[in-house]
Amino acid sequence: MRKTIALGALAAAALLLIGGSAGGPAFGEVAGASAGAAGADRGGPLLRFTVNTSPFNLIDVDRNGQLSDGDEIVFHDTLLQHGRRIGDQLGSCVIVDATEALANCTMVIRLPEGKITAAFDNAPPPTKTLAITGGTGRYRKAHGEGTLVEAPDQTAVLTLRVLP
């Protein structure tokens, strides 16, 4: 059975992996652009969110108390626009190279008009590039890319350019 841990140096190392500080993997407040507003000149709407992150959660698969290849980080974060909750994002990151704090991550962004799926490689520094891999509802034909810029205060800015 897997053991969930979040302890001292292990937690700090893994948090650096997902781009946060020892305070957590993070995201930050920004005014949201509505779909179809800013960015339409580049072929798709620009969506921008503030992300408040959930507490750090590492599944230590081999139970060795250290970040190891095959360990998994899971997350469930809140998305805000103009200070109001608009959705959430959830996902997981599998550690593929603990010596470099490198992980392969997938996520689902749940919004009122549908879901957007994305994948990214996760390692320091705090700016991550995401590939939009699909969606449902309004976003059923979605593709494109995005960025996640993390801050040391358990916040970040998630920006997505969703192409139809």
Protein backbone atom coordinates (compact mmCIF):
# COMPACT_ATOMS: atom_id res chain seq x y z
CA MET A 1 0.00 0.00 0.00
CA ARG A 2 1.23 3.49 -0.82
CA LYS A 3 2.14 5.86 1.94
CA THR A 4 1.40 9.57 1.59
CA ILE A 5 4.07 11.78 3.12
CA ALA A 6 4.98 15.42 3.29
CA LEU A 7 8.01 15.82 5.53
CA GLY A 8 10.68 18.48 5.95
CA ALA A 9 13.45 18.27 3.36
CA LEU A 10 11.55 15.80 1.19
CA ALA A 11 8.60 18.16 0.97
CA ALA A 12 10.84 21.14 0.24
CA ALA A 13 12.70 19.28 -2.52
CA ALA A 14 9.51 18.09 -4.14
CA LEU A 15 7.94 21.55 -3.87
CA LEU A 16 10.88 22.94 -5.76
CA LEU A 17 10.16 20.26 -8.35
CA ILE A 18 6.66 21.55 -8.90
CA GLY A 19 7.91 25.08 -8.96
CA GLY A 20 6.88 26.43 -5.62
CA SER A 21 8.85 27.39 -2.61
CA ALA A 22 8.96 25.55 0.66
CA GLY A 23 5.57 27.25 1.11
CA GLY A 24 4.04 25.14 -1.67
CA PRO A 25 3.65 24.68 -5.40
CA ALA A 26 2.11 27.95 -6.39
CA PHE A 27 0.06 30.26 -8.59
CA GLY A 28 -0.96 34.11 -8.37
CA GLU A 29 -3.90 36.56 -8.71
CA VAL A 30 -4.42 38.36 -11.99
CA ALA A 31 -7.38 39.96 -13.73
CA GLY A 32 -8.99 37.36 -15.96
CA ALA A 33 -9.45 37.90 -19.66
CA SER A 34 -12.66 36.47 -21.01
CA ALA A 35 -12.54 33.85 -23.73
CA GLY A 36 -12.37 35.62 -27.05
CA ALA A 37 -11.05 38.88 -25.61
CA ALA A 38 -7.30 39.41 -25.49
CA GLY A 39 -5.38 37.12 -27.79
CA ALA A 40 -8.00 36.63 -30.50
CA ASP A 41 -5.49 38.12 -32.99
CA ARG A 42 -3.26 35.04 -32.55
CA GLY A 43 -6.00 32.57 -33.45
CA GLY A 44 -7.53 31.81 -30.07
CA PRO A 45 -8.81 33.22 -26.82
CA LEU A 46 -6.44 33.98 -23.99
CA LEU A 47 -7.63 32.67 -20.62
CA ARG A 48 -5.87 33.89 -17.51
CA PHE A 49 -6.36 32.64 -13.96
CA THR A 50 -5.00 33.12 -10.50
CA VAL A 51 -4.32 29.75 -8.92
CA ASN A 52 -4.41 29.07 -5.19
CA THR A 53 -2.68 25.78 -4.58
CA SER A 54 -3.64 22.88 -2.41
CA PRO A 55 -1.32 21.53 0.30
CA PHE A 56 1.62 19.54 -0.99
CA ASN A 57 0.84 15.82 -1.39
CA LEU A 58 3.58 13.33 -2.32
CA ILE A 59 2.91 9.61 -2.70
CA ASP A 60 6.19 7.92 -1.72
CA VAL A 61 5.78 4.74 -3.77
CA ASP A 62 8.90 2.95 -2.52
CA ARG A 63 8.43 4.26 1.05
CA ASN A 64 12.06 5.32 1.35
CA GLY A 65 11.32 8.80 2.69
CA GLN A 66 13.12 10.45 -0.24
CA LEU A 67 12.04 11.78 -3.60
CA SER A 68 12.57 8.84 -5.99
CA ASP A 69 11.82 7.92 -9.57
CA GLY A 70 8.23 6.67 -9.75
CA ASP A 71 6.96 8.74 -6.79
CA GLU A 72 3.89 10.82 -7.55
CA ILE A 73 2.74 14.32 -6.65
CA VAL A 74 -1.01 14.94 -6.76
CA PHE A 75 -2.75 18.32 -6.68
CA HIS A 76 -6.19 19.95 -6.64
CA ASP A 77 -6.01 23.75 -6.90
CA THR A 78 -8.58 26.58 -7.04
CA LEU A 79 -8.81 28.87 -10.10
CA LEU A 80 -9.85 32.50 -9.66
CA GLN A 81 -10.72 35.40 -11.97
CA HIS A 82 -11.21 38.89 -10.51
CA GLY A 83 -10.93 37.33 -7.03
CA ARG A 84 -13.88 34.98 -7.64
CA ARG A 85 -13.66 31.19 -7.83
CA ILE A 86 -14.27 30.14 -11.43
CA GLY A 87 -13.09 26.53 -11.43
CA ASP A 88 -10.30 24.22 -10.38
CA GLN A 89 -7.42 22.17 -11.71
CA LEU A 90 -6.40 18.72 -10.67
CA GLY A 91 -3.68 16.39 -11.73
CA SER A 92 -0.62 14.37 -11.02
CA CYS A 93 3.11 14.42 -11.71
CA VAL A 94 5.20 11.25 -11.88
CA ILE A 95 8.84 11.69 -10.90
CA VAL A 96 10.97 10.50 -13.81
CA ASP A 97 14.39 11.71 -12.63
CA ALA A 98 14.71 12.51 -8.94
CA THR A 99 18.32 13.72 -9.34
CA GLU A 100 17.05 16.58 -11.55
CA ALA A 101 13.67 16.96 -9.79
CA LEU A 102 12.03 16.22 -13.16
CA ALA A 103 8.43 15.01 -13.50
CA ASN A 104 5.90 14.25 -16.24
CA CYS A 105 2.58 15.95 -15.38
CA THR A 106 -0.99 15.87 -16.63
CA MET A 107 -3.89 18.02 -15.48
CA VAL A 108 -7.59 18.69 -15.99
CA ILE A 109 -8.81 22.30 -15.77
CA ARG A 110 -12.52 22.32 -14.86
CA LEU A 111 -14.44 25.44 -15.88
CA PRO A 112 -18.19 26.21 -16.03
CA GLU A 113 -18.35 25.70 -19.82
CA GLY A 114 -16.19 22.57 -20.03
CA LYS A 115 -12.84 21.02 -19.26
CA ILE A 116 -9.38 21.55 -20.72
CA THR A 117 -6.66 18.91 -20.46
CA ALA A 118 -2.94 19.69 -20.52
CA ALA A 119 0.47 18.05 -20.11
CA PHE A 120 3.84 19.48 -19.11
CA ASP A 121 7.28 18.59 -17.86
CA ASN A 122 7.86 19.90 -14.38
CA ALA A 123 11.18 20.98 -12.95
CA PRO A 124 12.66 24.20 -11.67
CA PRO A 125 12.47 27.13 -12.67
CA PRO A 126 9.01 28.48 -11.78
CA THR A 127 7.79 29.01 -15.38
CA LYS A 128 6.23 25.93 -16.95
CA THR A 129 5.05 25.54 -20.57
CA LEU A 130 1.88 23.48 -21.00
CA ALA A 131 0.56 21.70 -24.10
CA ILE A 132 -3.24 21.79 -24.31
CA THR A 133 -4.20 18.25 -25.29
CA GLY A 134 -8.00 18.44 -25.53
CA GLY A 135 -11.20 19.32 -23.79
CA THR A 136 -14.94 18.95 -23.37
CA GLY A 137 -17.98 21.20 -23.76
CA ARG A 138 -17.03 24.61 -25.14
CA TYR A 139 -13.42 23.37 -25.30
CA ARG A 140 -14.11 19.98 -26.98
CA LYS A 141 -11.80 20.75 -29.93
CA ALA A 142 -9.23 22.63 -27.85
CA HIS A 143 -5.53 22.61 -28.52
CA GLY A 144 -2.84 25.20 -27.97
CA GLU A 145 -0.44 26.01 -25.19
CA GLY A 146 -0.12 27.84 -21.94
CA THR A 147 2.20 28.92 -19.18
CA LEU A 148 2.17 28.55 -15.45
CA VAL A 149 4.27 31.11 -13.60
CA GLU A 150 4.64 30.22 -9.95
CA ALA A 151 5.22 32.55 -7.03
CA PRO A 152 6.71 31.73 -3.62
CA ASP A 153 3.42 32.45 -1.79
CA GLN A 154 1.34 29.42 -2.88
CA THR A 155 -0.08 31.32 -5.87
CA ALA A 156 0.65 31.40 -9.60
CA VAL A 157 -0.67 32.77 -12.88
CA LEU A 158 -2.03 30.24 -15.37
CA THR A 159 -2.39 31.59 -18.92
CA LEU A 160 -3.88 29.48 -21.71
CA ARG A 161 -4.15 30.25 -25.42
CA VAL A 162 -6.94 27.92 -26.49
CA LEU A 163 -7.13 27.33 -30.22
CA PRO A 164 -10.40 25.99 -31.63
